[in-house]
N, C-alpha and C. Protein backbone atom coordinates (compact mmCIF):
# COMPACT_ATOMS: atom_id res chain seq x y z
N LEU A 1 -12.86 -10.75 20.17
CA LEU A 1 -13.36 -11.60 19.11
C LEU A 1 -14.00 -10.76 17.99
N LEU A 2 -14.82 -9.78 18.38
CA LEU A 2 -15.44 -8.91 17.39
C LEU A 2 -14.39 -8.10 16.65
N MET A 3 -13.42 -7.55 17.39
CA MET A 3 -12.35 -6.77 16.75
C MET A 3 -11.56 -7.62 15.75
N ASP A 4 -11.32 -8.86 16.08
CA ASP A 4 -10.61 -9.75 15.16
C ASP A 4 -11.38 -9.91 13.85
N GLN A 5 -12.69 -10.08 13.95
CA GLN A 5 -13.52 -10.24 12.76
C GLN A 5 -13.58 -8.95 11.94
N ILE A 6 -13.66 -7.81 12.63
CA ILE A 6 -13.67 -6.52 11.92
C ILE A 6 -12.35 -6.32 11.19
N ASN A 7 -11.24 -6.55 11.87
CA ASN A 7 -9.92 -6.40 11.23
C ASN A 7 -9.75 -7.36 10.06
N ARG A 8 -10.22 -8.57 10.22
CA ARG A 8 -10.12 -9.55 9.13
C ARG A 8 -10.96 -9.10 7.93
N PHE A 9 -12.17 -8.61 8.20
CA PHE A 9 -13.05 -8.12 7.12
C PHE A 9 -12.38 -6.98 6.37
N ILE A 10 -11.80 -6.05 7.10
CA ILE A 10 -11.12 -4.90 6.47
C ILE A 10 -9.96 -5.39 5.62
N ARG A 11 -9.16 -6.29 6.17
CA ARG A 11 -8.00 -6.82 5.44
C ARG A 11 -8.43 -7.53 4.16
N LEU A 12 -9.46 -8.35 4.26
CA LEU A 12 -9.92 -9.12 3.10
C LEU A 12 -10.56 -8.25 2.03
N ASN A 13 -11.03 -7.07 2.41
CA ASN A 13 -11.74 -6.22 1.46
C ASN A 13 -10.95 -5.02 1.00
N ARG A 14 -9.68 -4.97 1.32
CA ARG A 14 -8.85 -3.90 0.77
C ARG A 14 -8.79 -4.06 -0.74
N PRO A 15 -8.87 -2.95 -1.44
CA PRO A 15 -8.78 -3.09 -2.90
C PRO A 15 -7.41 -3.61 -3.32
N LYS A 16 -7.43 -4.54 -4.23
CA LYS A 16 -6.18 -5.09 -4.76
C LYS A 16 -6.14 -4.76 -6.25
N PRO A 17 -5.07 -4.13 -6.69
CA PRO A 17 -5.00 -3.78 -8.11
C PRO A 17 -5.12 -5.01 -9.01
N LYS A 18 -5.94 -4.88 -10.03
CA LYS A 18 -6.10 -5.97 -11.01
C LYS A 18 -5.73 -5.40 -12.37
N ASP A 19 -4.65 -5.89 -12.90
CA ASP A 19 -4.18 -5.43 -14.20
C ASP A 19 -3.90 -3.92 -14.23
N THR A 20 -3.53 -3.34 -13.11
CA THR A 20 -3.16 -1.93 -13.09
C THR A 20 -1.90 -1.79 -12.26
N LYS A 21 -1.31 -0.63 -12.35
CA LYS A 21 -0.12 -0.37 -11.56
C LYS A 21 -0.46 0.63 -10.46
N LEU A 22 -1.66 0.53 -9.93
CA LEU A 22 -2.10 1.45 -8.89
C LEU A 22 -1.88 0.83 -7.51
N ARG A 23 -1.48 1.67 -6.59
CA ARG A 23 -1.36 1.24 -5.20
C ARG A 23 -2.75 1.25 -4.57
N PRO A 24 -2.96 0.48 -3.51
CA PRO A 24 -4.27 0.49 -2.85
C PRO A 24 -4.73 1.89 -2.43
N SER A 25 -3.81 2.72 -1.97
CA SER A 25 -4.19 4.09 -1.57
C SER A 25 -4.69 4.89 -2.77
N GLU A 26 -4.07 4.68 -3.93
CA GLU A 26 -4.52 5.36 -5.15
C GLU A 26 -5.90 4.85 -5.56
N MET A 27 -6.10 3.54 -5.41
CA MET A 27 -7.40 2.97 -5.76
C MET A 27 -8.50 3.51 -4.85
N MET A 28 -8.20 3.69 -3.56
CA MET A 28 -9.22 4.22 -2.65
C MET A 28 -9.62 5.63 -3.06
N VAL A 29 -8.65 6.45 -3.41
CA VAL A 29 -8.96 7.82 -3.86
C VAL A 29 -9.79 7.77 -5.13
N LEU A 30 -9.39 6.93 -6.08
CA LEU A 30 -10.14 6.83 -7.33
C LEU A 30 -11.55 6.29 -7.13
N MET A 31 -11.72 5.38 -6.17
CA MET A 31 -13.05 4.85 -5.89
C MET A 31 -13.97 5.97 -5.42
N VAL A 32 -13.47 6.81 -4.53
CA VAL A 32 -14.28 7.93 -4.04
C VAL A 32 -14.60 8.88 -5.19
N LEU A 33 -13.59 9.21 -5.98
CA LEU A 33 -13.80 10.14 -7.10
C LEU A 33 -14.76 9.56 -8.14
N CYS A 34 -14.62 8.27 -8.45
CA CYS A 34 -15.52 7.62 -9.41
C CYS A 34 -16.95 7.63 -8.88
N HIS A 35 -17.11 7.28 -7.62
CA HIS A 35 -18.44 7.26 -7.02
C HIS A 35 -19.07 8.65 -7.09
N ARG A 36 -18.30 9.67 -6.74
CA ARG A 36 -18.82 11.05 -6.80
C ARG A 36 -19.19 11.42 -8.23
N HIS A 37 -18.34 11.05 -9.17
CA HIS A 37 -18.60 11.38 -10.58
C HIS A 37 -19.87 10.68 -11.08
N LEU A 38 -19.96 9.38 -10.82
CA LEU A 38 -21.09 8.61 -11.33
C LEU A 38 -22.41 8.98 -10.64
N SER A 39 -22.34 9.54 -9.43
CA SER A 39 -23.56 9.96 -8.74
C SER A 39 -23.87 11.43 -8.99
N GLY A 40 -23.10 12.06 -9.90
CA GLY A 40 -23.38 13.43 -10.29
C GLY A 40 -22.82 14.51 -9.38
N GLN A 41 -21.98 14.13 -8.42
CA GLN A 41 -21.42 15.11 -7.49
C GLN A 41 -20.22 15.84 -8.07
N GLY A 42 -19.57 15.25 -9.05
CA GLY A 42 -18.46 15.93 -9.72
C GLY A 42 -17.21 16.07 -8.90
N SER A 43 -16.64 17.26 -8.94
CA SER A 43 -15.33 17.50 -8.33
C SER A 43 -15.41 17.60 -6.81
N VAL A 44 -14.23 17.56 -6.19
CA VAL A 44 -14.12 17.65 -4.74
C VAL A 44 -12.86 18.43 -4.40
N VAL A 45 -12.90 19.19 -3.33
CA VAL A 45 -11.69 19.89 -2.89
C VAL A 45 -10.87 18.92 -2.04
N PRO A 46 -9.55 19.07 -2.02
CA PRO A 46 -8.70 18.13 -1.28
C PRO A 46 -9.08 17.98 0.20
N SER A 47 -9.51 19.06 0.85
CA SER A 47 -9.85 18.94 2.27
C SER A 47 -11.06 18.02 2.48
N GLU A 48 -12.05 18.08 1.57
CA GLU A 48 -13.21 17.18 1.67
C GLU A 48 -12.78 15.74 1.41
N LEU A 49 -11.91 15.56 0.44
CA LEU A 49 -11.43 14.22 0.11
C LEU A 49 -10.64 13.63 1.27
N SER A 50 -9.81 14.44 1.91
CA SER A 50 -9.04 13.94 3.05
C SER A 50 -9.96 13.55 4.20
N LYS A 51 -11.02 14.30 4.41
CA LYS A 51 -12.00 13.94 5.45
C LYS A 51 -12.68 12.63 5.12
N GLU A 52 -13.13 12.52 3.88
CA GLU A 52 -13.86 11.32 3.46
C GLU A 52 -13.01 10.06 3.59
N LEU A 53 -11.72 10.20 3.34
CA LEU A 53 -10.81 9.04 3.40
C LEU A 53 -10.10 8.91 4.74
N SER A 54 -10.34 9.85 5.64
CA SER A 54 -9.65 9.88 6.94
C SER A 54 -8.14 9.89 6.76
N LEU A 55 -7.69 10.70 5.82
CA LEU A 55 -6.26 10.90 5.58
C LEU A 55 -5.92 12.36 5.85
N SER A 56 -4.72 12.60 6.34
CA SER A 56 -4.31 13.99 6.49
C SER A 56 -4.05 14.57 5.11
N ARG A 57 -4.12 15.87 5.00
CA ARG A 57 -3.85 16.49 3.70
C ARG A 57 -2.42 16.22 3.24
N PRO A 58 -1.42 16.26 4.15
CA PRO A 58 -0.06 15.93 3.69
C PRO A 58 0.07 14.49 3.18
N ALA A 59 -0.71 13.57 3.73
CA ALA A 59 -0.67 12.17 3.25
C ALA A 59 -1.38 12.04 1.90
N LEU A 60 -2.39 12.86 1.67
CA LEU A 60 -3.16 12.80 0.44
C LEU A 60 -2.43 13.41 -0.75
N THR A 61 -1.65 14.44 -0.51
CA THR A 61 -0.99 15.18 -1.60
C THR A 61 -0.15 14.29 -2.52
N PRO A 62 0.75 13.43 -1.99
CA PRO A 62 1.54 12.60 -2.92
C PRO A 62 0.68 11.60 -3.71
N ILE A 63 -0.42 11.16 -3.13
CA ILE A 63 -1.32 10.25 -3.85
C ILE A 63 -1.94 11.00 -5.03
N LEU A 64 -2.40 12.22 -4.77
CA LEU A 64 -2.98 13.03 -5.84
C LEU A 64 -1.94 13.35 -6.91
N ASN A 65 -0.72 13.64 -6.49
CA ASN A 65 0.36 13.93 -7.45
C ASN A 65 0.60 12.73 -8.37
N GLU A 66 0.61 11.53 -7.80
CA GLU A 66 0.82 10.31 -8.60
C GLU A 66 -0.33 10.10 -9.58
N LEU A 67 -1.55 10.26 -9.09
CA LEU A 67 -2.72 10.07 -9.96
C LEU A 67 -2.75 11.09 -11.09
N GLU A 68 -2.33 12.31 -10.77
CA GLU A 68 -2.27 13.35 -11.81
C GLU A 68 -1.18 13.02 -12.83
N ALA A 69 -0.03 12.55 -12.35
CA ALA A 69 1.07 12.18 -13.25
C ALA A 69 0.66 11.02 -14.17
N LYS A 70 -0.21 10.14 -13.68
CA LYS A 70 -0.68 9.01 -14.49
C LYS A 70 -1.84 9.40 -15.41
N GLY A 71 -2.27 10.65 -15.32
CA GLY A 71 -3.34 11.14 -16.19
C GLY A 71 -4.74 10.71 -15.78
N LEU A 72 -4.90 10.27 -14.52
CA LEU A 72 -6.20 9.78 -14.07
C LEU A 72 -7.07 10.87 -13.45
N ILE A 73 -6.43 11.90 -12.92
CA ILE A 73 -7.16 13.04 -12.36
C ILE A 73 -6.53 14.33 -12.88
N ARG A 74 -7.21 15.43 -12.64
CA ARG A 74 -6.62 16.74 -12.90
C ARG A 74 -7.07 17.69 -11.80
N ARG A 75 -6.27 18.71 -11.61
CA ARG A 75 -6.61 19.75 -10.64
C ARG A 75 -7.12 20.95 -11.42
N GLU A 76 -8.20 21.53 -10.91
CA GLU A 76 -8.77 22.73 -11.54
C GLU A 76 -8.92 23.80 -10.47
N PHE A 77 -8.73 25.05 -10.88
CA PHE A 77 -8.99 26.15 -9.95
C PHE A 77 -10.48 26.41 -9.91
N ASP A 78 -10.98 26.70 -8.72
CA ASP A 78 -12.38 27.07 -8.54
C ASP A 78 -12.59 28.43 -9.19
N VAL A 79 -13.59 28.54 -10.06
CA VAL A 79 -13.82 29.81 -10.76
C VAL A 79 -14.26 30.92 -9.81
N LYS A 80 -14.88 30.57 -8.71
CA LYS A 80 -15.33 31.57 -7.73
C LYS A 80 -14.22 31.99 -6.78
N ASP A 81 -13.29 31.09 -6.51
CA ASP A 81 -12.21 31.37 -5.57
C ASP A 81 -10.94 30.70 -6.09
N ARG A 82 -10.08 31.46 -6.74
CA ARG A 82 -8.88 30.91 -7.39
C ARG A 82 -7.91 30.28 -6.40
N ARG A 83 -8.10 30.53 -5.11
CA ARG A 83 -7.21 29.91 -4.11
C ARG A 83 -7.58 28.45 -3.88
N ARG A 84 -8.80 28.08 -4.22
CA ARG A 84 -9.27 26.71 -4.02
C ARG A 84 -9.00 25.86 -5.26
N THR A 85 -8.53 24.66 -5.02
CA THR A 85 -8.29 23.71 -6.10
C THR A 85 -9.30 22.58 -5.98
N LYS A 86 -9.85 22.17 -7.11
CA LYS A 86 -10.78 21.05 -7.12
C LYS A 86 -10.11 19.87 -7.83
N ILE A 87 -10.43 18.69 -7.34
CA ILE A 87 -9.91 17.46 -7.94
C ILE A 87 -11.01 16.89 -8.83
N VAL A 88 -10.66 16.61 -10.08
CA VAL A 88 -11.63 16.10 -11.05
C VAL A 88 -11.06 14.83 -11.67
N ILE A 89 -11.90 13.81 -11.75
CA ILE A 89 -11.47 12.57 -12.40
C ILE A 89 -11.50 12.80 -13.92
N GLN A 90 -10.54 12.23 -14.62
CA GLN A 90 -10.49 12.35 -16.08
C GLN A 90 -11.55 11.43 -16.68
N GLU A 91 -12.56 12.01 -17.29
CA GLU A 91 -13.67 11.22 -17.83
C GLU A 91 -13.22 10.17 -18.83
N ALA A 92 -12.24 10.49 -19.63
CA ALA A 92 -11.75 9.55 -20.64
C ALA A 92 -11.15 8.30 -20.01
N LYS A 93 -10.77 8.38 -18.74
CA LYS A 93 -10.11 7.26 -18.07
C LYS A 93 -11.07 6.46 -17.18
N ILE A 94 -12.32 6.86 -17.08
CA ILE A 94 -13.24 6.19 -16.15
C ILE A 94 -13.38 4.70 -16.46
N HIS A 95 -13.52 4.34 -17.73
CA HIS A 95 -13.64 2.92 -18.09
C HIS A 95 -12.40 2.14 -17.64
N GLU A 96 -11.24 2.70 -17.88
CA GLU A 96 -9.97 2.07 -17.49
C GLU A 96 -9.90 1.93 -15.96
N ILE A 97 -10.32 2.96 -15.26
CA ILE A 97 -10.30 2.94 -13.80
C ILE A 97 -11.25 1.87 -13.27
N LYS A 98 -12.47 1.85 -13.80
CA LYS A 98 -13.46 0.87 -13.35
C LYS A 98 -12.99 -0.55 -13.63
N ALA A 99 -12.29 -0.76 -14.73
CA ALA A 99 -11.78 -2.10 -15.06
C ALA A 99 -10.79 -2.56 -14.00
N GLY A 100 -10.03 -1.64 -13.45
CA GLY A 100 -9.07 -1.97 -12.41
C GLY A 100 -9.71 -2.37 -11.10
N PHE A 101 -10.99 -2.05 -10.93
CA PHE A 101 -11.70 -2.40 -9.71
C PHE A 101 -12.42 -3.74 -9.80
N GLY A 102 -12.25 -4.43 -10.93
CA GLY A 102 -12.99 -5.66 -11.15
C GLY A 102 -13.00 -6.62 -9.99
N ASN A 103 -11.83 -6.93 -9.46
CA ASN A 103 -11.70 -7.86 -8.35
C ASN A 103 -12.47 -7.38 -7.13
N TYR A 104 -12.37 -6.10 -6.88
CA TYR A 104 -13.01 -5.50 -5.71
C TYR A 104 -14.53 -5.58 -5.82
N THR A 105 -15.08 -5.20 -6.96
CA THR A 105 -16.53 -5.24 -7.12
C THR A 105 -17.05 -6.68 -7.19
N GLU A 106 -16.25 -7.59 -7.71
CA GLU A 106 -16.64 -9.00 -7.73
C GLU A 106 -16.82 -9.53 -6.31
N ARG A 107 -15.92 -9.12 -5.40
CA ARG A 107 -16.01 -9.58 -4.01
C ARG A 107 -17.27 -9.03 -3.34
N PHE A 108 -17.63 -7.79 -3.64
CA PHE A 108 -18.85 -7.24 -3.07
C PHE A 108 -20.08 -7.95 -3.63
N GLN A 109 -20.04 -8.27 -4.91
CA GLN A 109 -21.16 -9.01 -5.50
C GLN A 109 -21.27 -10.39 -4.86
N LEU A 110 -20.14 -11.02 -4.59
CA LEU A 110 -20.12 -12.32 -3.92
C LEU A 110 -20.83 -12.23 -2.57
N LEU A 111 -20.53 -11.17 -1.81
CA LEU A 111 -21.18 -10.97 -0.52
C LEU A 111 -22.68 -10.76 -0.69
N MET A 112 -23.04 -9.92 -1.63
CA MET A 112 -24.47 -9.63 -1.84
C MET A 112 -25.24 -10.89 -2.24
N ASP A 113 -24.61 -11.73 -3.03
CA ASP A 113 -25.26 -12.97 -3.46
C ASP A 113 -25.38 -13.98 -2.33
N ALA A 114 -24.46 -13.91 -1.36
CA ALA A 114 -24.44 -14.89 -0.26
C ALA A 114 -25.46 -14.57 0.83
N PHE A 115 -25.91 -13.32 0.92
CA PHE A 115 -26.86 -12.92 1.96
C PHE A 115 -28.29 -12.94 1.43
N THR A 116 -29.20 -13.22 2.34
CA THR A 116 -30.62 -13.08 2.00
C THR A 116 -30.95 -11.59 1.98
N PRO A 117 -32.07 -11.20 1.35
CA PRO A 117 -32.44 -9.78 1.37
C PRO A 117 -32.57 -9.22 2.79
N GLU A 118 -33.09 -10.02 3.71
CA GLU A 118 -33.23 -9.57 5.09
C GLU A 118 -31.86 -9.35 5.74
N GLU A 119 -30.93 -10.27 5.47
CA GLU A 119 -29.57 -10.11 6.01
C GLU A 119 -28.89 -8.87 5.44
N LEU A 120 -29.09 -8.62 4.14
CA LEU A 120 -28.51 -7.42 3.53
C LEU A 120 -29.05 -6.15 4.17
N ILE A 121 -30.35 -6.12 4.44
CA ILE A 121 -30.95 -4.95 5.08
C ILE A 121 -30.38 -4.77 6.49
N SER A 122 -30.26 -5.86 7.23
CA SER A 122 -29.69 -5.79 8.58
C SER A 122 -28.24 -5.33 8.53
N PHE A 123 -27.48 -5.89 7.60
CA PHE A 123 -26.07 -5.52 7.44
C PHE A 123 -25.95 -4.03 7.11
N TYR A 124 -26.79 -3.57 6.19
CA TYR A 124 -26.79 -2.16 5.80
C TYR A 124 -27.11 -1.27 7.01
N LYS A 125 -28.12 -1.63 7.77
CA LYS A 125 -28.50 -0.83 8.94
C LYS A 125 -27.37 -0.79 9.97
N LEU A 126 -26.74 -1.93 10.22
CA LEU A 126 -25.63 -1.98 11.18
C LEU A 126 -24.46 -1.13 10.71
N LEU A 127 -24.10 -1.24 9.43
CA LEU A 127 -23.00 -0.44 8.90
C LEU A 127 -23.32 1.05 8.94
N THR A 128 -24.56 1.40 8.61
CA THR A 128 -24.97 2.80 8.64
C THR A 128 -24.86 3.36 10.05
N LYS A 129 -25.33 2.60 11.02
CA LYS A 129 -25.26 3.03 12.42
C LYS A 129 -23.81 3.14 12.88
N ALA A 130 -22.99 2.15 12.55
CA ALA A 130 -21.58 2.17 12.94
C ALA A 130 -20.87 3.36 12.30
N ASN A 131 -21.14 3.62 11.03
CA ASN A 131 -20.51 4.76 10.36
C ASN A 131 -20.93 6.08 10.98
N PHE A 132 -22.19 6.20 11.36
CA PHE A 132 -22.67 7.43 12.00
C PHE A 132 -21.96 7.64 13.34
N ILE A 133 -21.89 6.59 14.14
CA ILE A 133 -21.24 6.69 15.46
C ILE A 133 -19.78 7.07 15.31
N LEU A 134 -19.07 6.40 14.40
CA LEU A 134 -17.65 6.70 14.21
C LEU A 134 -17.44 8.09 13.62
N ASN A 135 -18.32 8.51 12.74
CA ASN A 135 -18.22 9.85 12.17
C ASN A 135 -18.38 10.91 13.26
N GLU A 136 -19.34 10.73 14.15
CA GLU A 136 -19.54 11.67 15.26
C GLU A 136 -18.33 11.66 16.19
N TYR A 137 -17.81 10.48 16.46
CA TYR A 137 -16.62 10.37 17.31
C TYR A 137 -15.45 11.11 16.69
N ASN A 138 -15.25 10.90 15.39
CA ASN A 138 -14.14 11.56 14.69
C ASN A 138 -14.30 13.08 14.69
N LYS A 139 -15.52 13.57 14.57
CA LYS A 139 -15.76 15.01 14.63
C LYS A 139 -15.36 15.57 15.98
N GLU A 140 -15.72 14.86 17.04
CA GLU A 140 -15.45 15.32 18.40
C GLU A 140 -13.98 15.18 18.77
N ASN A 141 -13.28 14.26 18.15
CA ASN A 141 -11.89 13.96 18.51
C ASN A 141 -10.93 14.21 17.37
N SER A 142 -11.23 15.19 16.56
CA SER A 142 -10.41 15.48 15.39
C SER A 142 -9.05 16.03 15.79
N ASP A 143 -8.00 15.46 15.19
CA ASP A 143 -6.64 15.96 15.40
C ASP A 143 -6.37 17.20 14.57
N GLU A 144 -7.09 17.30 13.45
CA GLU A 144 -6.86 18.40 12.52
C GLU A 144 -8.10 19.28 12.47
N LYS A 145 -8.14 20.29 13.31
CA LYS A 145 -9.29 21.19 13.35
C LYS A 145 -9.37 22.06 12.11
N SER A 146 -8.26 22.18 11.37
CA SER A 146 -8.23 23.08 10.21
C SER A 146 -8.86 22.48 8.96
N ILE A 147 -9.10 21.18 8.96
CA ILE A 147 -9.68 20.55 7.76
C ILE A 147 -11.13 20.95 7.63
């Protein structure tokens, strides 16, 4: 019963493109990059991005290629280590990208408005604990030790 509700929640909250030609996988990558940019974290290397999204690097590469072809991201060489590539969101496109998330952010606002402050705090604590447990599990049971 709990698994059914979790799966339903995940399904209902998948990003759906709104007035964009982005696939959900592209939107997920852009959401992470936008969040990092807006919180001042800036660029990310592909291996960190693949960890954050729980995607293998081979699965992430075509998504990054598409986003780069659409002019939404760019790859930069690390000035300290030219072998490393960093992924950077195109600042000029941030407004356009955020507009494509309208539906997604509206649904989160709907949830926030439906809960009392106490329920939101409880929900936050439960999600934080669940994320910590799953993160530790994933570290211990990683298929890709090289990431």
